[in-house]
Amino acid sequence: MNNLSKNSITVNQKKTAPVLSIPYSNDLLIATSQTKEALEQELSFLLAVKLFELRRLTLGKAAELCGMKKLNFMNEMGRMGIPVINLDDDQIRDELKNA
């Protein structure tokens, strides 16, 4: 007899990633002149960038969050004038001292 509880995951069950849903009106699509897909990709990218800036995600995890390859994510951040290197003053001082 199987002793697994109701909440246990068996080997055959697939884990799915949680999904964040943000409601928005069609007015936002009109205001931004974007398609639904383009707006959702941009919002996903901007969320990933902000979490990276706040040091909540690494560069790789931020890229993963918005479904981009790390190099593409870095290029897009650079194109938008967002620093890719996210060091605080002490880290910059240490890097310069050890250079």
C-alpha atoms as a PDB file:
ATOM      1  CA  MET A   1       0.000   0.000   0.000  1.00  0.00           C
ATOM      2  CA  ASN A   2       1.216   3.524  -0.810  1.00  0.00           C
ATOM      3  CA  ASN A   3       1.949   5.711   2.233  1.00  0.00           C
ATOM      4  CA  LEU A   4       2.191   9.003   0.330  1.00  0.00           C
ATOM      5  CA  SER A   5       0.021  11.829   1.600  1.00  0.00           C
ATOM      6  CA  LYS A   6      -2.327  13.746  -0.668  1.00  0.00           C
ATOM      7  CA  ASN A   7       0.152  16.616  -0.988  1.00  0.00           C
ATOM      8  CA  SER A   8       3.166  14.494  -1.923  1.00  0.00           C
ATOM      9  CA  ILE A   9       4.580  14.672  -5.414  1.00  0.00           C
ATOM     10  CA  THR A  10       5.237  11.337  -7.046  1.00  0.00           C
ATOM     11  CA  VAL A  11       8.009  10.746  -9.553  1.00  0.00           C
ATOM     12  CA  ASN A  12       5.576  10.714 -12.471  1.00  0.00           C
ATOM     13  CA  GLN A  13       4.002  14.095 -11.670  1.00  0.00           C
ATOM     14  CA  LYS A  14       5.452  17.114 -13.439  1.00  0.00           C
ATOM     15  CA  LYS A  15       6.244  20.263 -11.509  1.00  0.00           C
ATOM     16  CA  THR A  16       4.946  23.410 -13.162  1.00  0.00           C
ATOM     17  CA  ALA A  17       6.235  26.894 -12.560  1.00  0.00           C
ATOM     18  CA  PRO A  18       3.929  29.304 -10.757  1.00  0.00           C
ATOM     19  CA  VAL A  19       2.431  31.977 -12.996  1.00  0.00           C
ATOM     20  CA  LEU A  20       2.062  35.648 -12.124  1.00  0.00           C
ATOM     21  CA  SER A  21      -1.033  37.256 -13.565  1.00  0.00           C
ATOM     22  CA  ILE A  22      -1.327  41.042 -13.731  1.00  0.00           C
ATOM     23  CA  PRO A  23      -4.656  42.383 -14.920  1.00  0.00           C
ATOM     24  CA  TYR A  24      -4.594  45.361 -17.290  1.00  0.00           C
ATOM     25  CA  SER A  25      -7.152  47.101 -19.453  1.00  0.00           C
ATOM     26  CA  ASN A  26      -7.155  47.508 -23.206  1.00  0.00           C
ATOM     27  CA  ASP A  27      -6.457  51.202 -22.563  1.00  0.00           C
ATOM     28  CA  LEU A  28      -2.897  50.224 -21.634  1.00  0.00           C
ATOM     29  CA  LEU A  29      -2.465  48.505 -24.992  1.00  0.00           C
ATOM     30  CA  ILE A  30      -3.763  51.614 -26.747  1.00  0.00           C
ATOM     31  CA  ALA A  31      -1.619  53.984 -24.641  1.00  0.00           C
ATOM     32  CA  THR A  32       1.562  52.014 -25.331  1.00  0.00           C
ATOM     33  CA  SER A  33       0.694  51.228 -28.967  1.00  0.00           C
ATOM     34  CA  GLN A  34       1.793  47.636 -28.416  1.00  0.00           C
ATOM     35  CA  THR A  35       0.342  44.243 -29.069  1.00  0.00           C
ATOM     36  CA  LYS A  36      -0.706  42.158 -26.079  1.00  0.00           C
ATOM     37  CA  GLU A  37       2.352  39.931 -26.535  1.00  0.00           C
ATOM     38  CA  ALA A  38       4.797  42.847 -26.845  1.00  0.00           C
ATOM     39  CA  LEU A  39       3.375  44.589 -23.770  1.00  0.00           C
ATOM     40  CA  GLU A  40       3.525  41.433 -21.679  1.00  0.00           C
ATOM     41  CA  GLN A  41       7.131  40.764 -22.768  1.00  0.00           C
ATOM     42  CA  GLU A  42       8.102  44.339 -21.899  1.00  0.00           C
ATOM     43  CA  LEU A  43       6.436  44.149 -18.481  1.00  0.00           C
ATOM     44  CA  SER A  44       8.185  40.847 -17.810  1.00  0.00           C
ATOM     45  CA  PHE A  45      11.527  42.370 -18.847  1.00  0.00           C
ATOM     46  CA  LEU A  46      11.001  45.468 -16.685  1.00  0.00           C
ATOM     47  CA  LEU A  47      10.114  43.349 -13.661  1.00  0.00           C
ATOM     48  CA  ALA A  48      13.272  41.284 -14.162  1.00  0.00           C
ATOM     49  CA  VAL A  49      15.390  44.445 -14.524  1.00  0.00           C
ATOM     50  CA  LYS A  50      13.971  45.995 -11.359  1.00  0.00           C
ATOM     51  CA  LEU A  51      14.536  42.822  -9.339  1.00  0.00           C
ATOM     52  CA  PHE A  52      18.114  42.743 -10.645  1.00  0.00           C
ATOM     53  CA  GLU A  53      18.640  46.420  -9.721  1.00  0.00           C
ATOM     54  CA  LEU A  54      17.316  45.727  -6.218  1.00  0.00           C
ATOM     55  CA  ARG A  55      19.782  42.803  -5.958  1.00  0.00           C
ATOM     56  CA  ARG A  56      16.929  40.360  -5.501  1.00  0.00           C
ATOM     57  CA  LEU A  57      17.976  38.373  -8.610  1.00  0.00           C
ATOM     58  CA  THR A  58      21.290  37.628 -10.245  1.00  0.00           C
ATOM     59  CA  LEU A  59      21.771  38.649 -13.857  1.00  0.00           C
ATOM     60  CA  GLY A  60      21.195  35.067 -15.001  1.00  0.00           C
ATOM     61  CA  LYS A  61      18.044  34.597 -12.924  1.00  0.00           C
ATOM     62  CA  ALA A  62      16.664  37.942 -14.116  1.00  0.00           C
ATOM     63  CA  ALA A  63      17.234  36.914 -17.738  1.00  0.00           C
ATOM     64  CA  GLU A  64      15.575  33.576 -17.034  1.00  0.00           C
ATOM     65  CA  LEU A  65      12.578  35.295 -15.429  1.00  0.00           C
ATOM     66  CA  CYS A  66      11.753  37.185 -18.606  1.00  0.00           C
ATOM     67  CA  GLY A  67      12.603  34.291 -20.919  1.00  0.00           C
ATOM     68  CA  MET A  68      15.730  35.806 -22.439  1.00  0.00           C
ATOM     69  CA  LYS A  69      19.249  34.510 -22.890  1.00  0.00           C
ATOM     70  CA  LYS A  70      21.684  36.241 -20.549  1.00  0.00           C
ATOM     71  CA  LEU A  71      23.612  37.977 -23.348  1.00  0.00           C
ATOM     72  CA  ASN A  72      20.402  39.270 -24.957  1.00  0.00           C
ATOM     73  CA  PHE A  73      19.194  40.491 -21.557  1.00  0.00           C
ATOM     74  CA  MET A  74      22.499  42.309 -20.992  1.00  0.00           C
ATOM     75  CA  ASN A  75      22.381  43.867 -24.477  1.00  0.00           C
ATOM     76  CA  GLU A  76      18.814  45.061 -23.982  1.00  0.00           C
ATOM     77  CA  MET A  77      19.680  46.569 -20.594  1.00  0.00           C
ATOM     78  CA  GLY A  78      22.656  48.347 -22.183  1.00  0.00           C
ATOM     79  CA  ARG A  79      20.497  49.631 -25.037  1.00  0.00           C
ATOM     80  CA  MET A  80      18.158  51.153 -22.450  1.00  0.00           C
ATOM     81  CA  GLY A  81      21.034  52.700 -20.498  1.00  0.00           C
ATOM     82  CA  ILE A  82      20.604  50.374 -17.515  1.00  0.00           C
ATOM     83  CA  PRO A  83      23.919  49.363 -15.902  1.00  0.00           C
ATOM     84  CA  VAL A  84      24.671  45.655 -16.205  1.00  0.00           C
ATOM     85  CA  ILE A  85      27.252  45.741 -13.431  1.00  0.00           C
ATOM     86  CA  ASN A  86      25.410  46.077 -10.163  1.00  0.00           C
ATOM     87  CA  LEU A  87      28.051  46.823  -7.512  1.00  0.00           C
ATOM     88  CA  ASP A  88      27.665  48.988  -4.437  1.00  0.00           C
ATOM     89  CA  ASP A  89      30.282  51.623  -3.484  1.00  0.00           C
ATOM     90  CA  ASP A  90      32.246  49.263  -1.224  1.00  0.00           C
ATOM     91  CA  GLN A  91      32.413  46.587  -3.922  1.00  0.00           C
ATOM     92  CA  ILE A  92      33.608  49.136  -6.490  1.00  0.00           C
ATOM     93  CA  ARG A  93      36.283  50.372  -4.068  1.00  0.00           C
ATOM     94  CA  ASP A  94      37.452  46.802  -3.467  1.00  0.00           C
ATOM     95  CA  GLU A  95      37.572  46.076  -7.192  1.00  0.00           C
ATOM     96  CA  LEU A  96      39.602  49.217  -7.870  1.00  0.00           C
ATOM     97  CA  LYS A  97      41.946  48.512  -4.957  1.00  0.00           C
ATOM     98  CA  ASN A  98      42.609  44.988  -6.216  1.00  0.00           C
ATOM     99  CA  ALA A  99      43.016  45.966  -9.873  1.00  0.00           C
END
